[in-house]
N, C-alpha and C. Protein backbone atom coordinates (compact mmCIF):
# COMPACT_ATOMS: atom_id res chain seq x y z
N MET A 1 7.54 -0.88 0.97
CA MET A 1 8.55 -0.16 0.22
C MET A 1 8.15 -0.17 -1.25
N THR A 2 8.17 0.99 -1.86
CA THR A 2 7.82 1.08 -3.27
C THR A 2 9.08 0.95 -4.11
N GLN A 3 8.87 0.50 -5.32
CA GLN A 3 9.98 0.33 -6.26
C GLN A 3 10.02 1.54 -7.18
N PRO A 4 11.14 1.73 -7.88
CA PRO A 4 11.23 2.85 -8.80
C PRO A 4 10.17 2.78 -9.89
N ALA A 5 9.80 3.93 -10.36
CA ALA A 5 8.82 4.00 -11.44
C ALA A 5 9.46 3.54 -12.74
N SER A 6 8.68 2.84 -13.54
CA SER A 6 9.17 2.44 -14.86
C SER A 6 8.00 2.48 -15.82
N ALA A 7 7.38 1.34 -16.08
CA ALA A 7 6.25 1.28 -17.00
C ALA A 7 4.98 1.84 -16.38
N SER A 8 5.09 2.42 -15.20
CA SER A 8 3.92 2.92 -14.49
C SER A 8 3.64 4.38 -14.77
N GLY A 9 4.26 4.95 -15.78
CA GLY A 9 4.01 6.34 -16.11
C GLY A 9 4.62 7.30 -15.11
N GLY A 10 5.74 6.92 -14.52
CA GLY A 10 6.41 7.81 -13.57
C GLY A 10 5.94 7.66 -12.14
N ARG A 11 4.98 6.81 -11.89
CA ARG A 11 4.48 6.62 -10.53
C ARG A 11 5.24 5.46 -9.87
N PRO A 12 5.47 5.55 -8.55
CA PRO A 12 6.15 4.46 -7.87
C PRO A 12 5.26 3.22 -7.81
N ILE A 13 5.84 2.08 -8.07
CA ILE A 13 5.07 0.84 -8.05
C ILE A 13 5.37 0.07 -6.77
N GLY A 14 4.39 -0.74 -6.37
CA GLY A 14 4.52 -1.50 -5.14
C GLY A 14 5.38 -2.73 -5.31
N GLN A 15 5.59 -3.39 -4.20
CA GLN A 15 6.45 -4.57 -4.17
C GLN A 15 5.59 -5.84 -4.16
N PRO A 16 5.75 -6.70 -5.15
CA PRO A 16 5.05 -7.99 -5.09
C PRO A 16 5.57 -8.81 -3.90
N ARG A 17 4.64 -9.49 -3.23
CA ARG A 17 4.99 -10.30 -2.07
C ARG A 17 4.46 -11.71 -2.27
N SER A 18 5.16 -12.67 -1.73
CA SER A 18 4.70 -14.05 -1.76
C SER A 18 3.45 -14.18 -0.90
N THR A 19 2.37 -14.62 -1.50
CA THR A 19 1.12 -14.76 -0.77
C THR A 19 1.27 -15.73 0.40
N SER A 20 1.92 -16.86 0.17
CA SER A 20 2.08 -17.83 1.24
C SER A 20 2.94 -17.27 2.38
N THR A 21 3.93 -16.45 2.07
CA THR A 21 4.74 -15.83 3.11
C THR A 21 3.92 -14.85 3.93
N VAL A 22 3.07 -14.06 3.28
CA VAL A 22 2.21 -13.12 4.00
C VAL A 22 1.32 -13.89 4.97
N ILE A 23 0.71 -14.96 4.51
CA ILE A 23 -0.19 -15.74 5.37
C ILE A 23 0.58 -16.39 6.51
N LEU A 24 1.68 -17.04 6.18
CA LEU A 24 2.46 -17.75 7.20
C LEU A 24 2.99 -16.79 8.27
N LEU A 25 3.61 -15.70 7.84
CA LEU A 25 4.13 -14.74 8.81
C LEU A 25 3.02 -14.10 9.64
N SER A 26 1.87 -13.87 9.04
CA SER A 26 0.74 -13.32 9.78
C SER A 26 0.26 -14.28 10.86
N LEU A 27 0.19 -15.56 10.51
CA LEU A 27 -0.26 -16.56 11.48
C LEU A 27 0.78 -16.78 12.58
N VAL A 28 2.05 -16.89 12.21
CA VAL A 28 3.11 -17.15 13.18
C VAL A 28 3.27 -15.99 14.16
N THR A 29 3.08 -14.77 13.68
CA THR A 29 3.24 -13.59 14.54
C THR A 29 1.92 -13.15 15.17
N CYS A 30 0.92 -13.99 15.10
CA CYS A 30 -0.41 -13.69 15.68
C CYS A 30 -0.98 -12.37 15.17
N GLY A 31 -0.78 -12.11 13.90
CA GLY A 31 -1.37 -10.94 13.26
C GLY A 31 -0.49 -9.71 13.18
N ILE A 32 0.65 -9.73 13.83
CA ILE A 32 1.52 -8.55 13.81
C ILE A 32 2.02 -8.27 12.40
N TYR A 33 2.43 -9.32 11.68
CA TYR A 33 2.88 -9.11 10.30
C TYR A 33 1.72 -8.62 9.43
N ALA A 34 0.50 -9.06 9.71
CA ALA A 34 -0.66 -8.60 8.95
C ALA A 34 -0.82 -7.09 9.06
N ILE A 35 -0.56 -6.55 10.24
CA ILE A 35 -0.64 -5.09 10.42
C ILE A 35 0.42 -4.40 9.56
N PHE A 36 1.63 -4.95 9.55
CA PHE A 36 2.71 -4.43 8.70
C PHE A 36 2.31 -4.50 7.23
N TRP A 37 1.71 -5.63 6.84
CA TRP A 37 1.27 -5.83 5.45
C TRP A 37 0.20 -4.82 5.06
N ILE A 38 -0.78 -4.63 5.95
CA ILE A 38 -1.85 -3.67 5.68
C ILE A 38 -1.27 -2.26 5.51
N TYR A 39 -0.41 -1.88 6.44
CA TYR A 39 0.20 -0.55 6.39
C TYR A 39 0.93 -0.34 5.06
N ASN A 40 1.81 -1.27 4.71
CA ASN A 40 2.58 -1.14 3.47
C ASN A 40 1.69 -1.16 2.23
N THR A 41 0.66 -1.97 2.24
CA THR A 41 -0.24 -2.04 1.09
C THR A 41 -0.95 -0.71 0.88
N PHE A 42 -1.47 -0.12 1.96
CA PHE A 42 -2.12 1.19 1.83
C PHE A 42 -1.12 2.27 1.40
N GLU A 43 0.10 2.21 1.90
CA GLU A 43 1.13 3.18 1.50
C GLU A 43 1.45 3.06 0.01
N GLU A 44 1.61 1.84 -0.47
CA GLU A 44 1.92 1.62 -1.88
C GLU A 44 0.77 2.08 -2.78
N LEU A 45 -0.46 1.79 -2.36
CA LEU A 45 -1.61 2.21 -3.16
C LEU A 45 -1.72 3.73 -3.21
N LYS A 46 -1.49 4.40 -2.09
CA LYS A 46 -1.55 5.86 -2.09
C LYS A 46 -0.43 6.46 -2.94
N ALA A 47 0.77 5.88 -2.84
CA ALA A 47 1.89 6.38 -3.64
C ALA A 47 1.60 6.22 -5.13
N TYR A 48 1.01 5.10 -5.52
CA TYR A 48 0.74 4.86 -6.94
C TYR A 48 -0.46 5.68 -7.42
N ASN A 49 -1.56 5.64 -6.65
CA ASN A 49 -2.79 6.31 -7.07
C ASN A 49 -2.77 7.82 -6.84
N GLY A 50 -1.95 8.27 -5.90
CA GLY A 50 -1.90 9.69 -5.58
C GLY A 50 -3.09 10.15 -4.75
N GLU A 51 -3.87 9.22 -4.25
CA GLU A 51 -5.02 9.55 -3.41
C GLU A 51 -5.38 8.34 -2.56
N GLY A 52 -6.33 8.53 -1.67
CA GLY A 52 -6.76 7.44 -0.81
C GLY A 52 -6.12 7.52 0.56
N GLN A 53 -6.34 6.49 1.35
CA GLN A 53 -5.79 6.45 2.69
C GLN A 53 -4.31 6.10 2.62
N GLY A 54 -3.56 6.64 3.55
CA GLY A 54 -2.17 6.22 3.68
C GLY A 54 -2.12 5.01 4.60
N GLY A 55 -0.92 4.60 4.95
CA GLY A 55 -0.74 3.42 5.76
C GLY A 55 -1.36 3.51 7.14
N GLY A 56 -1.13 4.63 7.82
CA GLY A 56 -1.66 4.79 9.18
C GLY A 56 -3.17 4.81 9.22
N THR A 57 -3.77 5.64 8.38
CA THR A 57 -5.23 5.74 8.36
C THR A 57 -5.86 4.43 7.90
N GLY A 58 -5.31 3.83 6.87
CA GLY A 58 -5.84 2.57 6.37
C GLY A 58 -5.78 1.47 7.40
N THR A 59 -4.66 1.40 8.12
CA THR A 59 -4.51 0.38 9.17
C THR A 59 -5.52 0.60 10.28
N LEU A 60 -5.67 1.84 10.72
CA LEU A 60 -6.66 2.14 11.77
C LEU A 60 -8.07 1.81 11.32
N LEU A 61 -8.39 2.10 10.07
CA LEU A 61 -9.73 1.78 9.56
C LEU A 61 -9.99 0.28 9.51
N CYS A 62 -8.93 -0.51 9.33
CA CYS A 62 -9.10 -1.97 9.32
C CYS A 62 -9.49 -2.50 10.69
N PHE A 63 -9.09 -1.79 11.74
CA PHE A 63 -9.48 -2.22 13.08
C PHE A 63 -10.97 -2.04 13.34
N VAL A 64 -11.62 -1.17 12.58
CA VAL A 64 -13.07 -1.01 12.69
C VAL A 64 -13.77 -1.53 11.44
N PHE A 65 -13.07 -2.37 10.69
CA PHE A 65 -13.56 -3.12 9.53
C PHE A 65 -13.80 -2.30 8.27
N ILE A 66 -13.88 -0.99 8.36
CA ILE A 66 -14.10 -0.16 7.17
C ILE A 66 -12.90 -0.24 6.23
N GLY A 67 -11.72 -0.37 6.79
CA GLY A 67 -10.50 -0.39 6.00
C GLY A 67 -10.43 -1.52 4.99
N TRP A 68 -11.03 -2.66 5.32
CA TRP A 68 -11.00 -3.80 4.39
C TRP A 68 -11.75 -3.46 3.10
N TRP A 69 -12.88 -2.76 3.22
CA TRP A 69 -13.61 -2.33 2.03
C TRP A 69 -12.82 -1.27 1.28
N LYS A 70 -12.19 -0.35 2.04
CA LYS A 70 -11.41 0.70 1.39
C LYS A 70 -10.22 0.11 0.63
N LEU A 71 -9.59 -0.91 1.21
CA LEU A 71 -8.47 -1.56 0.54
C LEU A 71 -8.91 -2.16 -0.79
N CYS A 72 -10.01 -2.89 -0.76
CA CYS A 72 -10.54 -3.49 -2.00
C CYS A 72 -10.96 -2.42 -2.99
N GLU A 73 -11.55 -1.36 -2.49
CA GLU A 73 -12.00 -0.26 -3.35
C GLU A 73 -10.81 0.40 -4.05
N GLU A 74 -9.72 0.62 -3.32
CA GLU A 74 -8.53 1.24 -3.91
C GLU A 74 -7.91 0.36 -5.00
N ILE A 75 -7.89 -0.94 -4.76
CA ILE A 75 -7.35 -1.87 -5.77
C ILE A 75 -8.25 -1.86 -7.00
N GLU A 76 -9.56 -1.88 -6.77
CA GLU A 76 -10.52 -1.87 -7.89
C GLU A 76 -10.36 -0.60 -8.71
N LYS A 77 -10.22 0.55 -8.06
CA LYS A 77 -10.03 1.83 -8.76
C LYS A 77 -8.74 1.82 -9.58
N MET A 78 -7.69 1.24 -9.01
CA MET A 78 -6.40 1.20 -9.68
C MET A 78 -6.50 0.40 -10.98
N TYR A 79 -7.16 -0.74 -10.91
CA TYR A 79 -7.35 -1.56 -12.12
C TYR A 79 -8.22 -0.82 -13.13
N GLN A 80 -9.30 -0.21 -12.68
CA GLN A 80 -10.21 0.49 -13.59
C GLN A 80 -9.51 1.66 -14.28
N ALA A 81 -8.69 2.38 -13.54
CA ALA A 81 -7.96 3.50 -14.13
C ALA A 81 -6.98 3.02 -15.20
N ASP A 82 -6.56 1.78 -15.08
CA ASP A 82 -5.65 1.18 -16.05
C ASP A 82 -6.41 0.51 -17.19
N GLY A 83 -7.75 0.58 -17.15
CA GLY A 83 -8.57 -0.01 -18.20
C GLY A 83 -8.70 -1.52 -18.12
N LYS A 84 -8.52 -2.07 -16.92
CA LYS A 84 -8.57 -3.52 -16.75
C LYS A 84 -9.70 -3.89 -15.79
N GLU A 85 -10.16 -5.13 -15.92
CA GLU A 85 -11.15 -5.69 -15.00
C GLU A 85 -10.43 -6.07 -13.71
N SER A 86 -10.93 -5.59 -12.59
CA SER A 86 -10.30 -5.88 -11.31
C SER A 86 -10.72 -7.25 -10.78
N PRO A 87 -9.75 -8.05 -10.34
CA PRO A 87 -10.09 -9.34 -9.72
C PRO A 87 -10.61 -9.15 -8.29
N VAL A 88 -10.49 -7.94 -7.76
CA VAL A 88 -10.96 -7.63 -6.41
C VAL A 88 -12.03 -6.56 -6.53
N LYS A 89 -13.17 -6.80 -5.91
CA LYS A 89 -14.26 -5.83 -5.88
C LYS A 89 -14.38 -5.27 -4.47
N SER A 90 -14.93 -4.07 -4.34
CA SER A 90 -15.03 -3.46 -3.02
C SER A 90 -15.86 -4.31 -2.06
N ASP A 91 -16.81 -5.06 -2.58
CA ASP A 91 -17.63 -5.93 -1.73
C ASP A 91 -16.84 -7.08 -1.13
N ASP A 92 -15.67 -7.37 -1.68
CA ASP A 92 -14.85 -8.46 -1.16
C ASP A 92 -14.33 -8.18 0.26
N GLY A 93 -14.44 -6.95 0.71
CA GLY A 93 -14.01 -6.59 2.05
C GLY A 93 -14.70 -7.39 3.13
N ILE A 94 -15.91 -7.88 2.85
CA ILE A 94 -16.65 -8.68 3.83
C ILE A 94 -15.88 -9.96 4.16
N LEU A 95 -15.10 -10.46 3.22
CA LEU A 95 -14.34 -11.70 3.45
C LEU A 95 -13.33 -11.55 4.58
N ALA A 96 -12.84 -10.33 4.79
CA ALA A 96 -11.80 -10.11 5.79
C ALA A 96 -12.31 -10.24 7.21
N ILE A 97 -13.61 -10.12 7.43
CA ILE A 97 -14.11 -10.18 8.80
C ILE A 97 -14.63 -11.56 9.18
N ILE A 98 -14.57 -12.51 8.26
CA ILE A 98 -15.01 -13.87 8.54
C ILE A 98 -13.80 -14.68 8.99
N PRO A 99 -13.83 -15.23 10.21
CA PRO A 99 -12.66 -15.97 10.70
C PRO A 99 -12.19 -17.05 9.73
N PHE A 100 -10.90 -17.17 9.59
CA PHE A 100 -10.18 -18.11 8.72
C PHE A 100 -10.34 -17.81 7.24
N VAL A 101 -11.50 -17.31 6.82
CA VAL A 101 -11.68 -16.92 5.42
C VAL A 101 -10.72 -15.79 5.09
N ASN A 102 -10.51 -14.89 6.07
CA ASN A 102 -9.63 -13.75 5.83
C ASN A 102 -8.22 -14.19 5.47
N TRP A 103 -7.69 -15.23 6.10
CA TRP A 103 -6.33 -15.66 5.83
C TRP A 103 -6.23 -16.48 4.55
N PHE A 104 -7.22 -17.29 4.27
CA PHE A 104 -7.08 -18.26 3.19
C PHE A 104 -7.83 -17.91 1.90
N ILE A 105 -8.66 -16.89 1.94
CA ILE A 105 -9.34 -16.44 0.72
C ILE A 105 -9.06 -14.97 0.46
N PHE A 106 -9.28 -14.12 1.47
CA PHE A 106 -9.14 -12.68 1.28
C PHE A 106 -7.70 -12.26 0.98
N ILE A 107 -6.77 -12.62 1.84
CA ILE A 107 -5.38 -12.20 1.63
C ILE A 107 -4.83 -12.72 0.30
N PRO A 108 -5.02 -14.01 -0.04
CA PRO A 108 -4.53 -14.44 -1.36
C PRO A 108 -5.17 -13.68 -2.52
N LYS A 109 -6.47 -13.42 -2.41
CA LYS A 109 -7.16 -12.69 -3.49
C LYS A 109 -6.57 -11.30 -3.66
N VAL A 110 -6.40 -10.60 -2.55
CA VAL A 110 -5.87 -9.23 -2.59
C VAL A 110 -4.40 -9.22 -3.01
N GLN A 111 -3.58 -10.07 -2.39
CA GLN A 111 -2.15 -10.04 -2.70
C GLN A 111 -1.88 -10.49 -4.13
N ASN A 112 -2.60 -11.48 -4.62
CA ASN A 112 -2.41 -11.91 -6.01
C ASN A 112 -2.80 -10.81 -6.99
N ALA A 113 -3.87 -10.09 -6.68
CA ALA A 113 -4.28 -8.96 -7.54
C ALA A 113 -3.20 -7.88 -7.54
N LEU A 114 -2.67 -7.58 -6.37
CA LEU A 114 -1.60 -6.58 -6.28
C LEU A 114 -0.35 -7.06 -7.02
N ASN A 115 0.03 -8.31 -6.80
CA ASN A 115 1.22 -8.85 -7.49
C ASN A 115 1.07 -8.75 -9.00
N ASP A 116 -0.08 -9.16 -9.51
CA ASP A 116 -0.31 -9.10 -10.96
C ASP A 116 -0.20 -7.68 -11.48
N PHE A 117 -0.78 -6.73 -10.75
CA PHE A 117 -0.76 -5.35 -11.19
C PHE A 117 0.66 -4.79 -11.16
N TRP A 118 1.36 -4.99 -10.04
CA TRP A 118 2.72 -4.44 -9.93
C TRP A 118 3.65 -5.05 -10.97
N VAL A 119 3.53 -6.35 -11.22
CA VAL A 119 4.37 -6.99 -12.23
C VAL A 119 4.05 -6.42 -13.62
N SER A 120 2.77 -6.15 -13.88
CA SER A 120 2.39 -5.57 -15.19
C SER A 120 2.99 -4.17 -15.38
N LYS A 121 3.37 -3.54 -14.28
CA LYS A 121 3.97 -2.21 -14.34
C LYS A 121 5.49 -2.23 -14.28
N GLY A 122 6.07 -3.44 -14.24
CA GLY A 122 7.51 -3.55 -14.31
C GLY A 122 8.21 -4.05 -13.07
N ALA A 123 7.46 -4.37 -12.01
CA ALA A 123 8.09 -4.90 -10.80
C ALA A 123 8.55 -6.34 -11.04
N ALA A 124 9.57 -6.73 -10.31
CA ALA A 124 10.04 -8.12 -10.37
C ALA A 124 9.03 -9.00 -9.65
N PRO A 125 8.71 -10.17 -10.20
CA PRO A 125 7.77 -11.07 -9.54
C PRO A 125 8.23 -11.45 -8.14
N ALA A 126 7.27 -11.77 -7.28
CA ALA A 126 7.58 -12.19 -5.91
C ALA A 126 8.40 -13.45 -5.93
N ALA A 127 9.33 -13.55 -4.99
CA ALA A 127 10.20 -14.73 -4.92
C ALA A 127 9.43 -15.94 -4.43
C-alpha cells in the first residue's frame, strides 16, 4: 500500500516496514509473506518511479531469480534519480539466491534501504 504523496514531488511513496517483522513473518509462513512483500515492494517502486515491473511481473521474475536483480536495480535507480548513493546495488541480487543469506542479509539490506528512502520522502518510520 502506498502512502499519499508529500515531499516526493507528487509521487506516491511506499510504506516503511519493520525489517524484523518481514523476516519473522516470512519464516513463520514458509515464504508466503515473502511473496506478499515482494509483490508490494515492486508495486510501490513502480508507483513511485513510474516505470519498471509491477507486483505481478516482479514476483514472477523472482521465481526464476531475475526478479531479485531487478528489485535491486529499481532501488538503485530510485536513489540515483534522487541524487543519492544507493545502499543497494543491482549485483546484490545474488544474495537472494543463497540459502539463509537471503533472509538475514538480503532482506534487511533491501528493506532498510527502502525504509530510509520512504522516510526521507515524508513517510512515517516503521513501527
